[in-house]
Amino acid sequence: MPKASILPNQKLMIFVDTNYFLRFLLKDNKLQHRKAKQLMLDSAQGKLKLFTSIIVFFEIYWVLSSYYGRNKTELIKALKDVINLTFIEIEERPIITNALEVFAQNNISLEDSFNLSYAASHQSEDFKTFDLKLGKLFKK
């Protein structure tokens, strides 16, 4: 795929993948952590623009919970740390932020929390699910 051309005053747009966030958060590989941290610092200083996808956000959640065995409190903290990197464009940041609050307050998955938040953000009048507990949360 060809690279986009950059105009003189235009900042470089860089997509950040899951493993960069994980190395930044976990600090388990010193060299990769330093590279990830420098990328974040450069973006925070306005030298370049970073962006990522909602898929990356959920991959971070999945890797931290399944591979690293992080508990819910640790997961919420790490995910909030990612969301609070405001110099990185993240799709649907307000919905994800709300989903983290729903996740923190209820005994449901982050995916279900996101779907509830997504439905509410789109002024859904109903939430069709066979999961009775989830359906009741929508009606709150």
N, C-alpha and C. Protein backbone atom coordinates (compact mmCIF):
# COMPACT_ATOMS: atom_id res chain seq x y z
N MET A 1 0.84 -1.17 0.00
CA MET A 1 0.00 0.00 0.00
C MET A 1 0.90 1.24 0.00
N PRO A 2 0.62 2.22 -0.84
CA PRO A 2 1.48 3.41 -0.90
C PRO A 2 1.33 4.28 0.33
N LYS A 3 2.43 4.94 0.68
CA LYS A 3 2.41 5.87 1.80
C LYS A 3 1.78 7.18 1.36
N ALA A 4 1.09 7.82 2.30
CA ALA A 4 0.49 9.12 2.01
C ALA A 4 1.58 10.18 1.98
N SER A 5 1.45 11.14 1.08
CA SER A 5 2.44 12.22 1.04
C SER A 5 2.10 13.25 2.11
N ILE A 6 3.13 13.82 2.69
CA ILE A 6 2.98 14.78 3.78
C ILE A 6 3.31 16.18 3.26
N LEU A 7 2.41 17.11 3.47
CA LEU A 7 2.64 18.50 3.11
C LEU A 7 3.54 19.14 4.15
N PRO A 8 4.21 20.26 3.83
CA PRO A 8 5.19 20.86 4.74
C PRO A 8 4.75 21.06 6.19
N ASN A 9 3.56 21.59 6.44
CA ASN A 9 3.11 21.86 7.82
C ASN A 9 2.18 20.79 8.36
N GLN A 10 2.08 19.70 7.66
CA GLN A 10 1.19 18.62 8.07
C GLN A 10 1.96 17.65 8.97
N LYS A 11 1.30 17.21 10.04
CA LYS A 11 1.94 16.25 10.95
C LYS A 11 1.76 14.83 10.42
N LEU A 12 2.75 14.03 10.66
CA LEU A 12 2.72 12.63 10.29
C LEU A 12 1.63 11.90 11.08
N MET A 13 0.77 11.15 10.40
CA MET A 13 -0.28 10.35 11.06
C MET A 13 0.25 8.93 11.21
N ILE A 14 0.21 8.41 12.42
CA ILE A 14 0.74 7.08 12.71
C ILE A 14 -0.29 6.26 13.47
N PHE A 15 -0.58 5.07 12.95
CA PHE A 15 -1.48 4.14 13.62
C PHE A 15 -0.69 3.39 14.69
N VAL A 16 -1.28 3.25 15.88
CA VAL A 16 -0.64 2.54 16.98
C VAL A 16 -1.36 1.22 17.21
N ASP A 17 -0.61 0.13 17.12
CA ASP A 17 -1.16 -1.21 17.29
C ASP A 17 -1.14 -1.62 18.76
N THR A 18 -1.84 -2.68 19.04
CA THR A 18 -2.01 -3.21 20.39
C THR A 18 -0.68 -3.40 21.13
N ASN A 19 0.30 -4.01 20.46
CA ASN A 19 1.54 -4.34 21.15
C ASN A 19 2.30 -3.10 21.62
N TYR A 20 2.16 -1.97 20.93
CA TYR A 20 2.80 -0.74 21.40
C TYR A 20 2.16 -0.29 22.71
N PHE A 21 0.85 -0.33 22.78
CA PHE A 21 0.16 0.03 24.03
C PHE A 21 0.56 -0.92 25.15
N LEU A 22 0.61 -2.21 24.85
CA LEU A 22 0.95 -3.19 25.88
C LEU A 22 2.36 -2.99 26.41
N ARG A 23 3.32 -2.76 25.52
CA ARG A 23 4.70 -2.52 25.98
C ARG A 23 4.77 -1.23 26.79
N PHE A 24 4.02 -0.22 26.38
CA PHE A 24 3.99 1.05 27.11
C PHE A 24 3.41 0.86 28.51
N LEU A 25 2.31 0.12 28.61
CA LEU A 25 1.64 -0.09 29.89
C LEU A 25 2.39 -1.06 30.81
N LEU A 26 2.87 -2.17 30.24
CA LEU A 26 3.43 -3.24 31.04
C LEU A 26 4.91 -3.07 31.39
N LYS A 27 5.63 -2.36 30.56
CA LYS A 27 7.07 -2.13 30.78
C LYS A 27 7.82 -3.45 30.93
N ASP A 28 7.37 -4.48 30.22
CA ASP A 28 7.98 -5.81 30.36
C ASP A 28 9.09 -6.08 29.35
N ASN A 29 9.32 -5.16 28.44
CA ASN A 29 10.43 -5.24 27.49
C ASN A 29 11.01 -3.83 27.43
N LYS A 30 12.18 -3.64 28.03
CA LYS A 30 12.73 -2.29 28.22
C LYS A 30 12.91 -1.54 26.90
N LEU A 31 13.47 -2.20 25.89
CA LEU A 31 13.70 -1.54 24.61
C LEU A 31 12.38 -1.14 23.95
N GLN A 32 11.42 -2.06 23.92
CA GLN A 32 10.14 -1.75 23.31
C GLN A 32 9.37 -0.72 24.13
N HIS A 33 9.48 -0.78 25.44
CA HIS A 33 8.83 0.21 26.30
C HIS A 33 9.37 1.61 25.99
N ARG A 34 10.72 1.72 25.87
CA ARG A 34 11.32 3.03 25.56
C ARG A 34 10.84 3.56 24.21
N LYS A 35 10.75 2.69 23.21
CA LYS A 35 10.28 3.11 21.89
C LYS A 35 8.82 3.57 21.96
N ALA A 36 7.99 2.80 22.65
CA ALA A 36 6.58 3.16 22.79
C ALA A 36 6.42 4.46 23.56
N LYS A 37 7.18 4.60 24.64
CA LYS A 37 7.11 5.81 25.45
C LYS A 37 7.55 7.03 24.63
N GLN A 38 8.61 6.89 23.85
CA GLN A 38 9.09 8.01 23.03
C GLN A 38 8.04 8.41 21.99
N LEU A 39 7.39 7.41 21.40
CA LEU A 39 6.32 7.70 20.44
C LEU A 39 5.21 8.50 21.11
N MET A 40 4.82 8.08 22.31
CA MET A 40 3.77 8.78 23.06
C MET A 40 4.21 10.20 23.41
N LEU A 41 5.46 10.36 23.85
CA LEU A 41 5.97 11.70 24.19
C LEU A 41 6.00 12.61 22.96
N ASP A 42 6.45 12.07 21.84
CA ASP A 42 6.48 12.87 20.61
C ASP A 42 5.09 13.34 20.22
N SER A 43 4.11 12.48 20.39
CA SER A 43 2.74 12.85 20.07
C SER A 43 2.21 13.87 21.08
N ALA A 44 2.48 13.66 22.35
CA ALA A 44 2.02 14.59 23.39
C ALA A 44 2.62 15.97 23.17
N GLN A 45 3.81 16.03 22.59
CA GLN A 45 4.48 17.31 22.31
C GLN A 45 4.06 17.89 20.96
N GLY A 46 3.15 17.20 20.27
CA GLY A 46 2.62 17.72 19.01
C GLY A 46 3.50 17.49 17.79
N LYS A 47 4.49 16.63 17.91
CA LYS A 47 5.40 16.38 16.79
C LYS A 47 4.78 15.49 15.72
N LEU A 48 3.81 14.68 16.13
CA LEU A 48 3.13 13.79 15.20
C LEU A 48 1.76 13.46 15.75
N LYS A 49 0.93 12.86 14.93
CA LYS A 49 -0.43 12.51 15.35
C LYS A 49 -0.58 11.00 15.38
N LEU A 50 -1.08 10.52 16.50
CA LEU A 50 -1.31 9.08 16.66
C LEU A 50 -2.80 8.80 16.63
N PHE A 51 -3.14 7.63 16.12
CA PHE A 51 -4.53 7.19 16.16
C PHE A 51 -4.55 5.67 16.27
N THR A 52 -5.68 5.16 16.72
CA THR A 52 -5.85 3.72 16.84
C THR A 52 -7.33 3.39 16.64
N SER A 53 -7.64 2.12 16.68
CA SER A 53 -9.02 1.68 16.44
C SER A 53 -9.64 1.12 17.72
N ILE A 54 -10.91 0.98 17.66
CA ILE A 54 -11.64 0.37 18.77
C ILE A 54 -11.24 -1.10 18.93
N ILE A 55 -10.88 -1.73 17.83
CA ILE A 55 -10.42 -3.12 17.89
C ILE A 55 -9.18 -3.22 18.75
N VAL A 56 -8.25 -2.29 18.60
CA VAL A 56 -7.03 -2.28 19.42
C VAL A 56 -7.39 -2.16 20.89
N PHE A 57 -8.34 -1.29 21.21
CA PHE A 57 -8.76 -1.11 22.59
C PHE A 57 -9.25 -2.44 23.18
N PHE A 58 -10.08 -3.15 22.43
CA PHE A 58 -10.59 -4.43 22.92
C PHE A 58 -9.51 -5.51 22.93
N GLU A 59 -8.54 -5.43 22.04
CA GLU A 59 -7.42 -6.38 22.09
C GLU A 59 -6.59 -6.16 23.36
N ILE A 60 -6.38 -4.89 23.73
CA ILE A 60 -5.66 -4.60 24.97
C ILE A 60 -6.38 -5.26 26.15
N TYR A 61 -7.70 -5.07 26.19
CA TYR A 61 -8.53 -5.68 27.24
C TYR A 61 -8.36 -7.21 27.24
N TRP A 62 -8.47 -7.80 26.06
CA TRP A 62 -8.41 -9.26 25.96
C TRP A 62 -7.04 -9.79 26.40
N VAL A 63 -5.97 -9.18 25.92
CA VAL A 63 -4.62 -9.66 26.27
C VAL A 63 -4.36 -9.49 27.76
N LEU A 64 -4.73 -8.33 28.32
CA LEU A 64 -4.49 -8.12 29.74
C LEU A 64 -5.31 -9.07 30.62
N SER A 65 -6.52 -9.37 30.19
CA SER A 65 -7.36 -10.26 31.01
C SER A 65 -7.03 -11.73 30.81
N SER A 66 -6.85 -12.16 29.58
CA SER A 66 -6.65 -13.58 29.33
C SER A 66 -5.19 -14.01 29.47
N TYR A 67 -4.28 -13.30 28.86
CA TYR A 67 -2.88 -13.72 28.88
C TYR A 67 -2.18 -13.31 30.17
N TYR A 68 -2.42 -12.08 30.60
CA TYR A 68 -1.75 -11.57 31.80
C TYR A 68 -2.57 -11.75 33.08
N GLY A 69 -3.81 -12.19 32.96
CA GLY A 69 -4.63 -12.51 34.13
C GLY A 69 -4.94 -11.32 35.02
N ARG A 70 -5.04 -10.13 34.46
CA ARG A 70 -5.35 -8.94 35.26
C ARG A 70 -6.79 -9.02 35.76
N ASN A 71 -6.99 -8.58 37.00
CA ASN A 71 -8.35 -8.57 37.56
C ASN A 71 -9.09 -7.33 37.05
N LYS A 72 -10.35 -7.25 37.36
CA LYS A 72 -11.21 -6.19 36.83
C LYS A 72 -10.70 -4.80 37.21
N THR A 73 -10.29 -4.61 38.44
CA THR A 73 -9.78 -3.31 38.89
C THR A 73 -8.54 -2.91 38.08
N GLU A 74 -7.62 -3.85 37.89
CA GLU A 74 -6.41 -3.58 37.11
C GLU A 74 -6.75 -3.30 35.65
N LEU A 75 -7.71 -4.03 35.11
CA LEU A 75 -8.14 -3.82 33.73
C LEU A 75 -8.70 -2.41 33.54
N ILE A 76 -9.58 -2.03 34.44
CA ILE A 76 -10.21 -0.71 34.34
C ILE A 76 -9.15 0.39 34.41
N LYS A 77 -8.20 0.25 35.32
CA LYS A 77 -7.14 1.26 35.44
C LYS A 77 -6.33 1.34 34.15
N ALA A 78 -5.90 0.21 33.62
CA ALA A 78 -5.09 0.20 32.39
C ALA A 78 -5.87 0.79 31.21
N LEU A 79 -7.13 0.41 31.09
CA LEU A 79 -7.93 0.90 29.98
C LEU A 79 -8.22 2.40 30.11
N LYS A 80 -8.41 2.86 31.34
CA LYS A 80 -8.58 4.30 31.54
C LYS A 80 -7.29 5.04 31.21
N ASP A 81 -6.16 4.42 31.54
CA ASP A 81 -4.87 5.03 31.18
C ASP A 81 -4.77 5.22 29.67
N VAL A 82 -5.24 4.26 28.91
CA VAL A 82 -5.22 4.36 27.45
C VAL A 82 -6.18 5.46 26.99
N ILE A 83 -7.40 5.43 27.49
CA ILE A 83 -8.41 6.41 27.09
C ILE A 83 -7.97 7.83 27.44
N ASN A 84 -7.23 7.98 28.53
CA ASN A 84 -6.79 9.30 28.97
C ASN A 84 -5.60 9.84 28.19
N LEU A 85 -5.08 9.08 27.25
CA LEU A 85 -4.02 9.58 26.36
C LEU A 85 -4.72 10.40 25.27
N THR A 86 -5.13 11.60 25.64
CA THR A 86 -5.98 12.39 24.76
C THR A 86 -5.30 12.85 23.49
N PHE A 87 -4.00 12.75 23.41
CA PHE A 87 -3.28 13.11 22.19
C PHE A 87 -3.35 12.01 21.14
N ILE A 88 -3.98 10.89 21.48
CA ILE A 88 -4.17 9.80 20.52
C ILE A 88 -5.64 9.78 20.12
N GLU A 89 -5.88 9.81 18.83
CA GLU A 89 -7.27 9.72 18.36
C GLU A 89 -7.74 8.27 18.54
N ILE A 90 -8.86 8.13 19.24
CA ILE A 90 -9.45 6.81 19.46
C ILE A 90 -10.91 6.88 19.03
N GLU A 91 -11.27 5.98 18.16
CA GLU A 91 -12.65 5.94 17.69
C GLU A 91 -13.61 5.83 18.87
N GLU A 92 -14.65 6.60 18.81
CA GLU A 92 -15.75 6.51 19.78
C GLU A 92 -15.29 6.62 21.23
N ARG A 93 -14.34 7.52 21.48
CA ARG A 93 -13.81 7.72 22.84
C ARG A 93 -14.91 7.94 23.88
N PRO A 94 -15.91 8.80 23.62
CA PRO A 94 -16.96 9.00 24.65
C PRO A 94 -17.73 7.72 24.96
N ILE A 95 -17.98 6.90 23.95
CA ILE A 95 -18.71 5.66 24.18
C ILE A 95 -17.86 4.68 24.99
N ILE A 96 -16.59 4.60 24.66
CA ILE A 96 -15.68 3.71 25.40
C ILE A 96 -15.56 4.19 26.84
N THR A 97 -15.45 5.49 27.03
CA THR A 97 -15.35 6.03 28.38
C THR A 97 -16.58 5.66 29.20
N ASN A 98 -17.75 5.83 28.61
CA ASN A 98 -18.99 5.45 29.29
C ASN A 98 -19.03 3.95 29.54
N ALA A 99 -18.59 3.16 28.56
CA ALA A 99 -18.59 1.70 28.70
C ALA A 99 -17.71 1.27 29.88
N LEU A 100 -16.60 1.94 30.09
CA LEU A 100 -15.74 1.61 31.23
C LEU A 100 -16.45 1.88 32.55
N GLU A 101 -17.25 2.93 32.60
CA GLU A 101 -18.03 3.22 33.81
C GLU A 101 -19.09 2.14 34.04
N VAL A 102 -19.77 1.75 32.98
CA VAL A 102 -20.78 0.68 33.08
C VAL A 102 -20.11 -0.62 33.52
N PHE A 103 -18.97 -0.92 32.93
CA PHE A 103 -18.20 -2.13 33.26
C PHE A 103 -17.78 -2.11 34.73
N ALA A 104 -17.34 -0.96 35.21
CA ALA A 104 -16.89 -0.83 36.60
C ALA A 104 -18.03 -1.04 37.59
N GLN A 105 -19.25 -0.65 37.21
CA GLN A 105 -20.38 -0.66 38.12
C GLN A 105 -21.23 -1.92 38.05
N ASN A 106 -20.97 -2.77 37.06
CA ASN A 106 -21.83 -3.94 36.86
C ASN A 106 -21.01 -5.19 36.65
N ASN A 107 -21.64 -6.32 36.86
CA ASN A 107 -20.98 -7.61 36.67
C ASN A 107 -21.29 -8.14 35.27
N ILE A 108 -20.84 -7.38 34.26
CA ILE A 108 -21.01 -7.80 32.87
C ILE A 108 -19.68 -7.57 32.15
N SER A 109 -19.57 -8.11 30.96
CA SER A 109 -18.33 -7.98 30.20
C SER A 109 -18.15 -6.57 29.66
N LEU A 110 -16.93 -6.25 29.30
CA LEU A 110 -16.67 -4.96 28.67
C LEU A 110 -17.40 -4.86 27.34
N GLU A 111 -17.48 -5.96 26.61
CA GLU A 111 -18.18 -5.96 25.34
C GLU A 111 -19.65 -5.60 25.52
N ASP A 112 -20.30 -6.21 26.51
CA ASP A 112 -21.70 -5.88 26.79
C ASP A 112 -21.83 -4.44 27.27
N SER A 113 -20.87 -4.00 28.06
CA SER A 113 -20.89 -2.61 28.54
C SER A 113 -20.78 -1.65 27.37
N PHE A 114 -19.93 -1.97 26.42
CA PHE A 114 -19.79 -1.13 25.23
C PHE A 114 -21.10 -1.11 24.44
N ASN A 115 -21.70 -2.29 24.25
CA ASN A 115 -22.93 -2.35 23.47
C ASN A 115 -24.05 -1.54 24.13
N LEU A 116 -24.15 -1.59 25.45
CA LEU A 116 -25.14 -0.76 26.15
C LEU A 116 -24.87 0.72 25.92
N SER A 117 -23.62 1.10 26.05
CA SER A 117 -23.24 2.50 25.87
C SER A 117 -23.44 2.94 24.42
N TYR A 118 -23.13 2.06 23.51
CA TYR A 118 -23.30 2.36 22.08
C TYR A 118 -24.78 2.58 21.77
N ALA A 119 -25.62 1.69 22.27
CA ALA A 119 -27.06 1.81 22.05
C ALA A 119 -27.58 3.12 22.63
N ALA A 120 -27.18 3.44 23.85
CA ALA A 120 -27.63 4.67 24.49
C ALA A 120 -27.15 5.90 23.73
N SER A 121 -25.92 5.86 23.22
CA SER A 121 -25.39 7.02 22.50
C SER A 121 -26.12 7.26 21.18
N HIS A 122 -26.78 6.23 20.68
CA HIS A 122 -27.55 6.34 19.45
C HIS A 122 -29.06 6.45 19.74
N GLN A 123 -29.39 6.80 20.97
CA GLN A 123 -30.78 7.01 21.41
C GLN A 123 -31.69 5.82 21.09
N SER A 124 -31.15 4.62 21.25
CA SER A 124 -31.94 3.42 21.02
C SER A 124 -33.10 3.37 22.01
N GLU A 125 -34.25 3.01 21.52
CA GLU A 125 -35.42 2.92 22.38
C GLU A 125 -35.58 1.54 22.99
N ASP A 126 -34.85 0.58 22.46
CA ASP A 126 -34.93 -0.78 22.99
C ASP A 126 -33.60 -1.46 22.72
N PHE A 127 -33.38 -2.54 23.45
CA PHE A 127 -32.14 -3.31 23.34
C PHE A 127 -32.55 -4.77 23.31
N LYS A 128 -32.56 -5.36 22.16
CA LYS A 128 -33.01 -6.75 22.02
C LYS A 128 -31.86 -7.70 22.35
N THR A 129 -32.08 -8.50 23.38
CA THR A 129 -31.12 -9.50 23.79
C THR A 129 -31.87 -10.60 24.53
N PHE A 130 -31.33 -11.81 24.48
CA PHE A 130 -31.89 -12.90 25.26
C PHE A 130 -31.22 -12.98 26.63
N ASP A 131 -30.26 -12.11 26.87
CA ASP A 131 -29.59 -12.01 28.16
C ASP A 131 -30.43 -11.10 29.06
N LEU A 132 -31.20 -11.70 29.95
CA LEU A 132 -32.15 -10.94 30.77
C LEU A 132 -31.46 -9.89 31.65
N LYS A 133 -30.31 -10.24 32.22
CA LYS A 133 -29.58 -9.29 33.07
C LYS A 133 -29.13 -8.07 32.25
N LEU A 134 -28.65 -8.32 31.07
CA LEU A 134 -28.22 -7.24 30.19
C LEU A 134 -29.41 -6.37 29.78
N GLY A 135 -30.51 -7.00 29.43
CA GLY A 135 -31.71 -6.25 29.06
C GLY A 135 -32.21 -5.35 30.17
N LYS A 136 -32.13 -5.83 31.42
CA LYS A 136 -32.55 -5.02 32.56
C LYS A 136 -31.65 -3.81 32.74
N LEU A 137 -30.37 -3.96 32.46
CA LEU A 137 -29.45 -2.84 32.59
C LEU A 137 -29.75 -1.74 31.59
N PHE A 138 -30.22 -2.12 30.41
CA PHE A 138 -30.57 -1.13 29.41
C PHE A 138 -31.75 -0.28 29.88
N LYS A 139 -32.64 -0.88 30.63
CA LYS A 139 -33.85 -0.19 31.06
C LYS A 139 -33.62 0.72 32.27
N LYS A 140 -32.41 0.69 32.84
CA LYS A 140 -32.14 1.53 34.02
C LYS A 140 -32.36 2.98 33.72
